[in-house]
Amino acid sequence: MAQRITDRDLDNLAKQINDLTKSPAKPYETVDDKMVAQVGNFHISHAYGGVCLHRMSNTSGGVSCPLVSYHEPKRALYDRMHAFIDGLGFNTERG
């Protein structure tokens, strides 16, 4: 039986991608009492019963979808994120 993919699994992979690409760890930081988007941050979006990897594109909170432009099941995104890390030239171990 296949391993169940959880939000924690996806968040851990997003953290790993942020670490490997030296991107900001959090999508937003407080600067002068204002929430400011951290350009370059990778994070998980939840909508329409699925998930998507988003990357912060600007300080206003705009995002891009570097892997796929729609929300999909967690298992599919988990596999894409591992492939993305492999494509960056980093070898990952799957549990």
C-alpha atoms as a PDB file:
ATOM      1  CA  MET A   1       0.000   0.000   0.000  1.00  0.00           C
ATOM      2  CA  ALA A   2       1.301   3.448  -0.904  1.00  0.00           C
ATOM      3  CA  GLN A   3       2.351   5.924   1.768  1.00  0.00           C
ATOM      4  CA  ARG A   4      -0.329   8.504   2.539  1.00  0.00           C
ATOM      5  CA  ILE A   5       0.908  12.009   1.650  1.00  0.00           C
ATOM      6  CA  THR A   6       0.099  14.610   4.304  1.00  0.00           C
ATOM      7  CA  ASP A   7       0.248  18.408   4.457  1.00  0.00           C
ATOM      8  CA  ARG A   8       3.342  18.000   6.634  1.00  0.00           C
ATOM      9  CA  ASP A   9       5.068  15.953   3.900  1.00  0.00           C
ATOM     10  CA  LEU A  10       4.423  18.687   1.339  1.00  0.00           C
ATOM     11  CA  ASP A  11       5.424  21.485   3.726  1.00  0.00           C
ATOM     12  CA  ASN A  12       8.690  19.649   4.471  1.00  0.00           C
ATOM     13  CA  LEU A  13       9.451  19.366   0.749  1.00  0.00           C
ATOM     14  CA  ALA A  14       8.690  23.085   0.255  1.00  0.00           C
ATOM     15  CA  LYS A  15      11.067  23.844   3.139  1.00  0.00           C
ATOM     16  CA  GLN A  16      13.709  21.634   1.517  1.00  0.00           C
ATOM     17  CA  ILE A  17      13.293  23.464  -1.811  1.00  0.00           C
ATOM     18  CA  ASN A  18      13.608  26.826  -0.032  1.00  0.00           C
ATOM     19  CA  ASP A  19      16.778  25.623   1.724  1.00  0.00           C
ATOM     20  CA  LEU A  20      18.322  24.209  -1.462  1.00  0.00           C
ATOM     21  CA  THR A  21      17.571  27.332  -3.519  1.00  0.00           C
ATOM     22  CA  LYS A  22      18.458  29.708  -0.668  1.00  0.00           C
ATOM     23  CA  SER A  23      14.955  31.195  -0.895  1.00  0.00           C
ATOM     24  CA  PRO A  24      13.182  32.895   2.032  1.00  0.00           C
ATOM     25  CA  ALA A  25      11.780  30.407   4.553  1.00  0.00           C
ATOM     26  CA  LYS A  26       8.407  32.124   5.070  1.00  0.00           C
ATOM     27  CA  PRO A  27       5.977  33.551   2.505  1.00  0.00           C
ATOM     28  CA  TYR A  28       5.418  36.728   4.561  1.00  0.00           C
ATOM     29  CA  GLU A  29       7.446  38.747   7.078  1.00  0.00           C
ATOM     30  CA  THR A  30       6.454  41.766   9.126  1.00  0.00           C
ATOM     31  CA  VAL A  31       8.351  44.890   8.058  1.00  0.00           C
ATOM     32  CA  ASP A  32       7.483  48.225   9.694  1.00  0.00           C
ATOM     33  CA  ASP A  33       4.228  46.728  11.028  1.00  0.00           C
ATOM     34  CA  LYS A  34       3.185  45.603   7.529  1.00  0.00           C
ATOM     35  CA  MET A  35       3.045  42.091   6.111  1.00  0.00           C
ATOM     36  CA  VAL A  36       5.413  41.940   3.126  1.00  0.00           C
ATOM     37  CA  ALA A  37       5.628  39.000   0.746  1.00  0.00           C
ATOM     38  CA  GLN A  38       9.072  37.399   0.582  1.00  0.00           C
ATOM     39  CA  VAL A  39       9.934  37.165  -3.113  1.00  0.00           C
ATOM     40  CA  GLY A  40      11.246  33.743  -4.069  1.00  0.00           C
ATOM     41  CA  ASN A  41       9.594  31.760  -1.259  1.00  0.00           C
ATOM     42  CA  PHE A  42       8.114  28.382  -2.203  1.00  0.00           C
ATOM     43  CA  HIS A  43       4.976  27.349  -0.301  1.00  0.00           C
ATOM     44  CA  ILE A  44       1.954  25.076  -0.642  1.00  0.00           C
ATOM     45  CA  SER A  45      -1.410  26.451  -1.741  1.00  0.00           C
ATOM     46  CA  HIS A  46      -4.650  24.623  -0.924  1.00  0.00           C
ATOM     47  CA  ALA A  47      -7.745  25.163  -3.089  1.00  0.00           C
ATOM     48  CA  TYR A  48     -10.422  23.258  -4.981  1.00  0.00           C
ATOM     49  CA  GLY A  49      -9.717  20.097  -2.955  1.00  0.00           C
ATOM     50  CA  GLY A  50      -6.110  19.980  -4.176  1.00  0.00           C
ATOM     51  CA  VAL A  51      -2.662  21.459  -3.649  1.00  0.00           C
ATOM     52  CA  CYS A  52      -0.157  23.425  -5.727  1.00  0.00           C
ATOM     53  CA  LEU A  53       3.415  24.630  -5.214  1.00  0.00           C
ATOM     54  CA  HIS A  54       3.486  28.422  -5.392  1.00  0.00           C
ATOM     55  CA  ARG A  55       6.505  30.714  -5.581  1.00  0.00           C
ATOM     56  CA  MET A  56       6.180  34.297  -4.388  1.00  0.00           C
ATOM     57  CA  SER A  57       6.753  36.582  -7.398  1.00  0.00           C
ATOM     58  CA  ASN A  58       6.511  40.096  -5.980  1.00  0.00           C
ATOM     59  CA  THR A  59       6.233  42.019  -2.715  1.00  0.00           C
ATOM     60  CA  SER A  60       2.479  42.444  -3.246  1.00  0.00           C
ATOM     61  CA  GLY A  61       1.877  38.710  -2.866  1.00  0.00           C
ATOM     62  CA  GLY A  62       1.672  37.643  -6.495  1.00  0.00           C
ATOM     63  CA  VAL A  63       2.648  34.029  -7.133  1.00  0.00           C
ATOM     64  CA  SER A  64       3.741  31.768  -9.943  1.00  0.00           C
ATOM     65  CA  CYS A  65       3.211  28.031 -10.226  1.00  0.00           C
ATOM     66  CA  PRO A  66       6.591  26.547 -11.205  1.00  0.00           C
ATOM     67  CA  LEU A  67       5.422  22.928 -11.552  1.00  0.00           C
ATOM     68  CA  VAL A  68       1.835  22.914 -12.784  1.00  0.00           C
ATOM     69  CA  SER A  69      -0.752  25.673 -13.171  1.00  0.00           C
ATOM     70  CA  TYR A  70      -3.578  23.978 -11.284  1.00  0.00           C
ATOM     71  CA  HIS A  71      -4.306  22.341  -7.929  1.00  0.00           C
ATOM     72  CA  GLU A  72      -3.895  18.576  -7.971  1.00  0.00           C
ATOM     73  CA  PRO A  73      -3.963  15.628  -5.535  1.00  0.00           C
ATOM     74  CA  LYS A  74      -1.270  15.571  -2.848  1.00  0.00           C
ATOM     75  CA  ARG A  75       0.400  12.408  -4.232  1.00  0.00           C
ATOM     76  CA  ALA A  76       0.833  13.987  -7.676  1.00  0.00           C
ATOM     77  CA  LEU A  77       2.354  17.182  -6.231  1.00  0.00           C
ATOM     78  CA  TYR A  78       4.614  15.165  -3.912  1.00  0.00           C
ATOM     79  CA  ASP A  79       6.021  13.278  -6.922  1.00  0.00           C
ATOM     80  CA  ARG A  80       6.448  16.501  -8.946  1.00  0.00           C
ATOM     81  CA  MET A  81       8.269  18.190  -6.059  1.00  0.00           C
ATOM     82  CA  HIS A  82      10.717  15.290  -5.786  1.00  0.00           C
ATOM     83  CA  ALA A  83      11.309  15.480  -9.549  1.00  0.00           C
ATOM     84  CA  PHE A  84      11.839  19.256  -9.226  1.00  0.00           C
ATOM     85  CA  ILE A  85      14.467  18.740  -6.513  1.00  0.00           C
ATOM     86  CA  ASP A  86      16.137  16.049  -8.625  1.00  0.00           C
ATOM     87  CA  GLY A  87      16.117  18.453 -11.603  1.00  0.00           C
ATOM     88  CA  LEU A  88      17.880  21.063  -9.495  1.00  0.00           C
ATOM     89  CA  GLY A  89      20.679  18.530  -9.157  1.00  0.00           C
ATOM     90  CA  PHE A  90      19.948  17.380  -5.622  1.00  0.00           C
ATOM     91  CA  ASN A  91      19.323  13.729  -4.822  1.00  0.00           C
ATOM     92  CA  THR A  92      16.438  13.089  -2.414  1.00  0.00           C
ATOM     93  CA  GLU A  93      15.431  10.027  -0.451  1.00  0.00           C
ATOM     94  CA  ARG A  94      11.794   9.070  -0.490  1.00  0.00           C
ATOM     95  CA  GLY A  95      10.177   7.538   2.572  1.00  0.00           C
END
